[in-house]
Amino acid sequence: MKGWIGPLLLGAATALGSHFAVLALAPSVIMDQALSGLAKRNIALHAFTNPERITPETQVVVRSSPDLFYALCRYDLSAEGSSLAITMGEWPGYQSLSFFDAETNNFFTQRGVGASVEVSLIAGGKGLGSVTSPTNRGVVLIRRLAPTQELFDQALQVAQSDACEYIAR
């Protein structure tokens, strides 16, 4: 039995090491694949893209809601001092502005029922009155409650006032 202790300990250490490596690396690998997939689907970099209405035929993301209008903006703030000026237009019903970093973390969400919302996004350091992204790359998502085609079309019109403007310094 003594001859098995070493291999058993090595096996346990390998299993634990692999487990923690997957936990540490999986989010960034998943988000890297998601950002790449969004780029292939023509989701703009530094601009909101308004995908078509979610139906069983158009759904590519698990748990997308057919009752919501989605607008996406990929961002890359790798350049020193760069930032984004985000505007979410006024919508009379439920809407939210959510920020996701390169490791899939939702690091900031702002609701804006009946109001326009403006947010400045920077990477790394701190900025007065700015939201700070923990990573240089990520996704900004606007959701609006639009359960009917008529409301979806209205949300599409409101989306004209959404902005995801890249600012280089």
C-alpha atoms as a PDB file:
ATOM      1  CA  MET A   1       0.000   0.000   0.000  1.00  0.00           C
ATOM      2  CA  LYS A   2       2.908   2.371   0.743  1.00  0.00           C
ATOM      3  CA  GLY A   3       3.943   2.200  -2.905  1.00  0.00           C
ATOM      4  CA  TRP A   4       0.635   3.793  -3.953  1.00  0.00           C
ATOM      5  CA  ILE A   5       0.773   6.900  -1.756  1.00  0.00           C
ATOM      6  CA  GLY A   6       3.128   8.839  -4.019  1.00  0.00           C
ATOM      7  CA  PRO A   7       1.175   8.223  -7.240  1.00  0.00           C
ATOM      8  CA  LEU A   8      -2.131   8.934  -5.439  1.00  0.00           C
ATOM      9  CA  LEU A   9      -0.800  12.243  -4.086  1.00  0.00           C
ATOM     10  CA  LEU A  10       0.558  13.150  -7.523  1.00  0.00           C
ATOM     11  CA  GLY A  11      -2.800  12.291  -9.114  1.00  0.00           C
ATOM     12  CA  ALA A  12      -4.690  14.365  -6.527  1.00  0.00           C
ATOM     13  CA  ALA A  13      -2.320  17.319  -6.966  1.00  0.00           C
ATOM     14  CA  THR A  14      -2.663  17.084 -10.757  1.00  0.00           C
ATOM     15  CA  ALA A  15      -6.467  16.968 -10.513  1.00  0.00           C
ATOM     16  CA  LEU A  16      -6.567  19.955  -8.143  1.00  0.00           C
ATOM     17  CA  GLY A  17      -4.105  21.909 -10.266  1.00  0.00           C
ATOM     18  CA  SER A  18      -6.107  21.205 -13.417  1.00  0.00           C
ATOM     19  CA  HIS A  19      -9.343  22.171 -11.677  1.00  0.00           C
ATOM     20  CA  PHE A  20      -7.983  25.537 -10.529  1.00  0.00           C
ATOM     21  CA  ALA A  21      -6.332  26.201 -13.908  1.00  0.00           C
ATOM     22  CA  VAL A  22      -9.679  25.699 -15.652  1.00  0.00           C
ATOM     23  CA  LEU A  23     -11.409  27.983 -13.129  1.00  0.00           C
ATOM     24  CA  ALA A  24      -8.780  30.668 -13.646  1.00  0.00           C
ATOM     25  CA  LEU A  25      -8.511  30.479 -17.447  1.00  0.00           C
ATOM     26  CA  ALA A  26     -12.023  29.539 -18.600  1.00  0.00           C
ATOM     27  CA  PRO A  27     -13.666  32.992 -18.298  1.00  0.00           C
ATOM     28  CA  SER A  28     -11.055  34.745 -20.444  1.00  0.00           C
ATOM     29  CA  VAL A  29     -11.097  31.937 -23.032  1.00  0.00           C
ATOM     30  CA  ILE A  30     -14.914  32.028 -23.155  1.00  0.00           C
ATOM     31  CA  MET A  31     -15.011  35.812 -23.540  1.00  0.00           C
ATOM     32  CA  ASP A  32     -12.254  35.754 -26.161  1.00  0.00           C
ATOM     33  CA  GLN A  33     -14.347  33.288 -28.176  1.00  0.00           C
ATOM     34  CA  ALA A  34     -17.475  35.411 -27.609  1.00  0.00           C
ATOM     35  CA  LEU A  35     -15.737  38.611 -28.763  1.00  0.00           C
ATOM     36  CA  SER A  36     -14.381  36.800 -31.810  1.00  0.00           C
ATOM     37  CA  GLY A  37     -17.839  35.413 -32.564  1.00  0.00           C
ATOM     38  CA  LEU A  38     -19.403  38.874 -32.202  1.00  0.00           C
ATOM     39  CA  ALA A  39     -16.836  40.294 -34.626  1.00  0.00           C
ATOM     40  CA  LYS A  40     -17.674  37.524 -37.139  1.00  0.00           C
ATOM     41  CA  ARG A  41     -21.367  38.464 -36.784  1.00  0.00           C
ATOM     42  CA  ASN A  42     -20.452  42.073 -37.670  1.00  0.00           C
ATOM     43  CA  ILE A  43     -20.994  43.478 -34.169  1.00  0.00           C
ATOM     44  CA  ALA A  44     -19.134  46.779 -34.460  1.00  0.00           C
ATOM     45  CA  LEU A  45     -16.074  47.783 -32.478  1.00  0.00           C
ATOM     46  CA  HIS A  46     -16.734  51.072 -30.642  1.00  0.00           C
ATOM     47  CA  ALA A  47     -20.279  51.447 -32.006  1.00  0.00           C
ATOM     48  CA  PHE A  48     -23.639  49.961 -31.063  1.00  0.00           C
ATOM     49  CA  THR A  49     -24.993  47.285 -33.356  1.00  0.00           C
ATOM     50  CA  ASN A  50     -28.705  46.530 -33.207  1.00  0.00           C
ATOM     51  CA  PRO A  51     -29.223  42.857 -33.987  1.00  0.00           C
ATOM     52  CA  GLU A  52     -32.496  41.582 -35.352  1.00  0.00           C
ATOM     53  CA  ARG A  53     -35.339  40.590 -33.047  1.00  0.00           C
ATOM     54  CA  ILE A  54     -34.764  37.345 -31.107  1.00  0.00           C
ATOM     55  CA  THR A  55     -36.756  34.416 -32.445  1.00  0.00           C
ATOM     56  CA  PRO A  56     -36.037  30.683 -32.269  1.00  0.00           C
ATOM     57  CA  GLU A  57     -34.425  31.025 -35.725  1.00  0.00           C
ATOM     58  CA  THR A  58     -32.158  33.971 -34.843  1.00  0.00           C
ATOM     59  CA  GLN A  59     -31.167  33.017 -31.295  1.00  0.00           C
ATOM     60  CA  VAL A  60     -27.456  32.268 -31.058  1.00  0.00           C
ATOM     61  CA  VAL A  61     -26.938  33.085 -27.382  1.00  0.00           C
ATOM     62  CA  VAL A  62     -28.485  30.825 -24.795  1.00  0.00           C
ATOM     63  CA  ARG A  63     -31.128  32.563 -22.658  1.00  0.00           C
ATOM     64  CA  SER A  64     -31.673  35.562 -24.929  1.00  0.00           C
ATOM     65  CA  SER A  65     -35.160  36.890 -24.341  1.00  0.00           C
ATOM     66  CA  PRO A  66     -37.547  37.440 -27.247  1.00  0.00           C
ATOM     67  CA  ASP A  67     -39.123  40.232 -25.138  1.00  0.00           C
ATOM     68  CA  LEU A  68     -35.953  42.333 -25.127  1.00  0.00           C
ATOM     69  CA  PHE A  69     -34.309  44.591 -27.676  1.00  0.00           C
ATOM     70  CA  TYR A  70     -30.512  44.227 -27.514  1.00  0.00           C
ATOM     71  CA  ALA A  71     -27.811  46.615 -28.691  1.00  0.00           C
ATOM     72  CA  LEU A  72     -24.147  45.557 -28.429  1.00  0.00           C
ATOM     73  CA  CYS A  73     -20.866  47.457 -28.562  1.00  0.00           C
ATOM     74  CA  ARG A  74     -17.524  45.655 -28.467  1.00  0.00           C
ATOM     75  CA  TYR A  75     -14.715  47.737 -27.043  1.00  0.00           C
ATOM     76  CA  ASP A  76     -10.924  47.678 -26.987  1.00  0.00           C
ATOM     77  CA  LEU A  77      -9.248  50.272 -24.783  1.00  0.00           C
ATOM     78  CA  SER A  78      -5.712  48.934 -25.213  1.00  0.00           C
ATOM     79  CA  ALA A  79      -4.380  52.290 -26.424  1.00  0.00           C
ATOM     80  CA  GLU A  80      -3.007  54.386 -23.559  1.00  0.00           C
ATOM     81  CA  GLY A  81      -5.524  56.985 -22.378  1.00  0.00           C
ATOM     82  CA  SER A  82      -8.357  55.805 -24.630  1.00  0.00           C
ATOM     83  CA  SER A  83     -11.939  55.815 -23.391  1.00  0.00           C
ATOM     84  CA  LEU A  84     -15.533  55.396 -24.516  1.00  0.00           C
ATOM     85  CA  ALA A  85     -18.364  57.887 -24.250  1.00  0.00           C
ATOM     86  CA  ILE A  86     -21.529  55.801 -23.929  1.00  0.00           C
ATOM     87  CA  THR A  87     -25.029  57.197 -24.388  1.00  0.00           C
ATOM     88  CA  MET A  88     -28.181  55.160 -23.888  1.00  0.00           C
ATOM     89  CA  GLY A  89     -31.146  57.007 -25.395  1.00  0.00           C
ATOM     90  CA  GLU A  90     -34.367  57.723 -23.533  1.00  0.00           C
ATOM     91  CA  TRP A  91     -36.873  54.854 -23.412  1.00  0.00           C
ATOM     92  CA  PRO A  92     -40.175  55.033 -21.508  1.00  0.00           C
ATOM     93  CA  GLY A  93     -40.046  51.429 -20.249  1.00  0.00           C
ATOM     94  CA  TYR A  94     -37.407  49.228 -18.679  1.00  0.00           C
ATOM     95  CA  GLN A  95     -33.899  49.574 -20.082  1.00  0.00           C
ATOM     96  CA  SER A  96     -30.431  48.866 -18.765  1.00  0.00           C
ATOM     97  CA  LEU A  97     -26.835  49.546 -19.743  1.00  0.00           C
ATOM     98  CA  SER A  98     -24.457  46.723 -18.747  1.00  0.00           C
ATOM     99  CA  PHE A  99     -20.685  46.409 -19.038  1.00  0.00           C
ATOM    100  CA  PHE A 100     -18.866  43.068 -19.314  1.00  0.00           C
ATOM    101  CA  ASP A 101     -15.091  42.692 -19.142  1.00  0.00           C
ATOM    102  CA  ALA A 102     -12.857  40.244 -21.010  1.00  0.00           C
ATOM    103  CA  GLU A 103     -13.380  37.646 -18.275  1.00  0.00           C
ATOM    104  CA  THR A 104     -17.212  37.631 -18.569  1.00  0.00           C
ATOM    105  CA  ASN A 105     -17.711  39.713 -15.399  1.00  0.00           C
ATOM    106  CA  ASN A 106     -20.603  42.190 -15.352  1.00  0.00           C
ATOM    107  CA  PHE A 107     -18.745  45.016 -13.603  1.00  0.00           C
ATOM    108  CA  PHE A 108     -21.329  47.805 -13.936  1.00  0.00           C
ATOM    109  CA  THR A 109     -25.037  48.134 -14.732  1.00  0.00           C
ATOM    110  CA  GLN A 110     -27.109  51.305 -14.933  1.00  0.00           C
ATOM    111  CA  ARG A 111     -30.884  51.390 -15.358  1.00  0.00           C
ATOM    112  CA  GLY A 112     -32.484  54.211 -17.251  1.00  0.00           C
ATOM    113  CA  VAL A 113     -36.278  53.971 -17.155  1.00  0.00           C
ATOM    114  CA  GLY A 114     -37.639  57.069 -18.884  1.00  0.00           C
ATOM    115  CA  ALA A 115     -34.259  58.798 -19.034  1.00  0.00           C
ATOM    116  CA  SER A 116     -31.177  59.037 -21.182  1.00  0.00           C
ATOM    117  CA  VAL A 117     -27.968  57.798 -19.532  1.00  0.00           C
ATOM    118  CA  GLU A 118     -24.401  58.921 -20.267  1.00  0.00           C
ATOM    119  CA  VAL A 119     -21.355  57.051 -18.990  1.00  0.00           C
ATOM    120  CA  SER A 120     -17.631  57.410 -19.611  1.00  0.00           C
ATOM    121  CA  LEU A 121     -15.697  54.121 -19.700  1.00  0.00           C
ATOM    122  CA  ILE A 122     -11.952  53.877 -19.112  1.00  0.00           C
ATOM    123  CA  ALA A 123      -9.610  50.917 -18.645  1.00  0.00           C
ATOM    124  CA  GLY A 124      -7.297  50.392 -15.720  1.00  0.00           C
ATOM    125  CA  GLY A 125      -6.721  53.422 -13.451  1.00  0.00           C
ATOM    126  CA  LYS A 126      -9.336  55.705 -12.023  1.00  0.00           C
ATOM    127  CA  GLY A 127     -11.209  58.544 -13.602  1.00  0.00           C
ATOM    128  CA  LEU A 128     -13.427  61.027 -11.855  1.00  0.00           C
ATOM    129  CA  GLY A 129     -17.025  60.264 -12.811  1.00  0.00           C
ATOM    130  CA  SER A 130     -15.971  57.353 -15.020  1.00  0.00           C
ATOM    131  CA  VAL A 131     -16.697  53.653 -14.941  1.00  0.00           C
ATOM    132  CA  THR A 132     -13.459  51.680 -14.912  1.00  0.00           C
ATOM    133  CA  SER A 133     -13.196  48.463 -16.899  1.00  0.00           C
ATOM    134  CA  PRO A 134     -11.018  45.848 -15.178  1.00  0.00           C
ATOM    135  CA  THR A 135      -9.775  44.704 -18.609  1.00  0.00           C
ATOM    136  CA  ASN A 136      -8.977  46.489 -21.878  1.00  0.00           C
ATOM    137  CA  ARG A 137     -11.554  44.578 -23.919  1.00  0.00           C
ATOM    138  CA  GLY A 138     -15.196  43.748 -23.374  1.00  0.00           C
ATOM    139  CA  VAL A 139     -18.798  44.345 -24.380  1.00  0.00           C
ATOM    140  CA  VAL A 140     -21.368  47.028 -23.589  1.00  0.00           C
ATOM    141  CA  LEU A 141     -24.969  45.837 -23.744  1.00  0.00           C
ATOM    142  CA  ILE A 142     -28.200  47.817 -23.834  1.00  0.00           C
ATOM    143  CA  ARG A 143     -31.417  45.950 -23.094  1.00  0.00           C
ATOM    144  CA  ARG A 144     -34.893  47.438 -23.619  1.00  0.00           C
ATOM    145  CA  LEU A 145     -38.196  45.764 -22.855  1.00  0.00           C
ATOM    146  CA  ALA A 146     -39.902  45.418 -26.247  1.00  0.00           C
ATOM    147  CA  PRO A 147     -42.142  42.330 -26.261  1.00  0.00           C
ATOM    148  CA  THR A 148     -44.075  43.182 -29.446  1.00  0.00           C
ATOM    149  CA  GLN A 149     -42.916  43.921 -32.975  1.00  0.00           C
ATOM    150  CA  GLU A 150     -44.317  47.452 -32.608  1.00  0.00           C
ATOM    151  CA  LEU A 151     -42.281  48.112 -29.454  1.00  0.00           C
ATOM    152  CA  PHE A 152     -39.219  46.498 -31.042  1.00  0.00           C
ATOM    153  CA  ASP A 153     -39.541  48.883 -33.994  1.00  0.00           C
ATOM    154  CA  GLN A 154     -39.860  51.825 -31.566  1.00  0.00           C
ATOM    155  CA  ALA A 155     -36.770  50.624 -29.680  1.00  0.00           C
ATOM    156  CA  LEU A 156     -34.929  50.469 -32.999  1.00  0.00           C
ATOM    157  CA  GLN A 157     -35.804  54.135 -33.551  1.00  0.00           C
ATOM    158  CA  VAL A 158     -34.659  55.085 -30.031  1.00  0.00           C
ATOM    159  CA  ALA A 159     -31.406  53.201 -30.675  1.00  0.00           C
ATOM    160  CA  GLN A 160     -30.515  55.921 -33.192  1.00  0.00           C
ATOM    161  CA  SER A 161     -29.634  58.074 -30.161  1.00  0.00           C
ATOM    162  CA  ASP A 162     -27.426  55.381 -28.556  1.00  0.00           C
ATOM    163  CA  ALA A 163     -23.700  55.983 -28.882  1.00  0.00           C
ATOM    164  CA  CYS A 164     -20.516  54.101 -28.094  1.00  0.00           C
ATOM    165  CA  GLU A 165     -17.914  56.666 -29.121  1.00  0.00           C
ATOM    166  CA  TYR A 166     -14.205  55.809 -28.973  1.00  0.00           C
ATOM    167  CA  ILE A 167     -12.010  58.637 -27.685  1.00  0.00           C
ATOM    168  CA  ALA A 168      -8.267  58.393 -28.370  1.00  0.00           C
ATOM    169  CA  ARG A 169      -5.866  60.528 -26.322  1.00  0.00           C
END
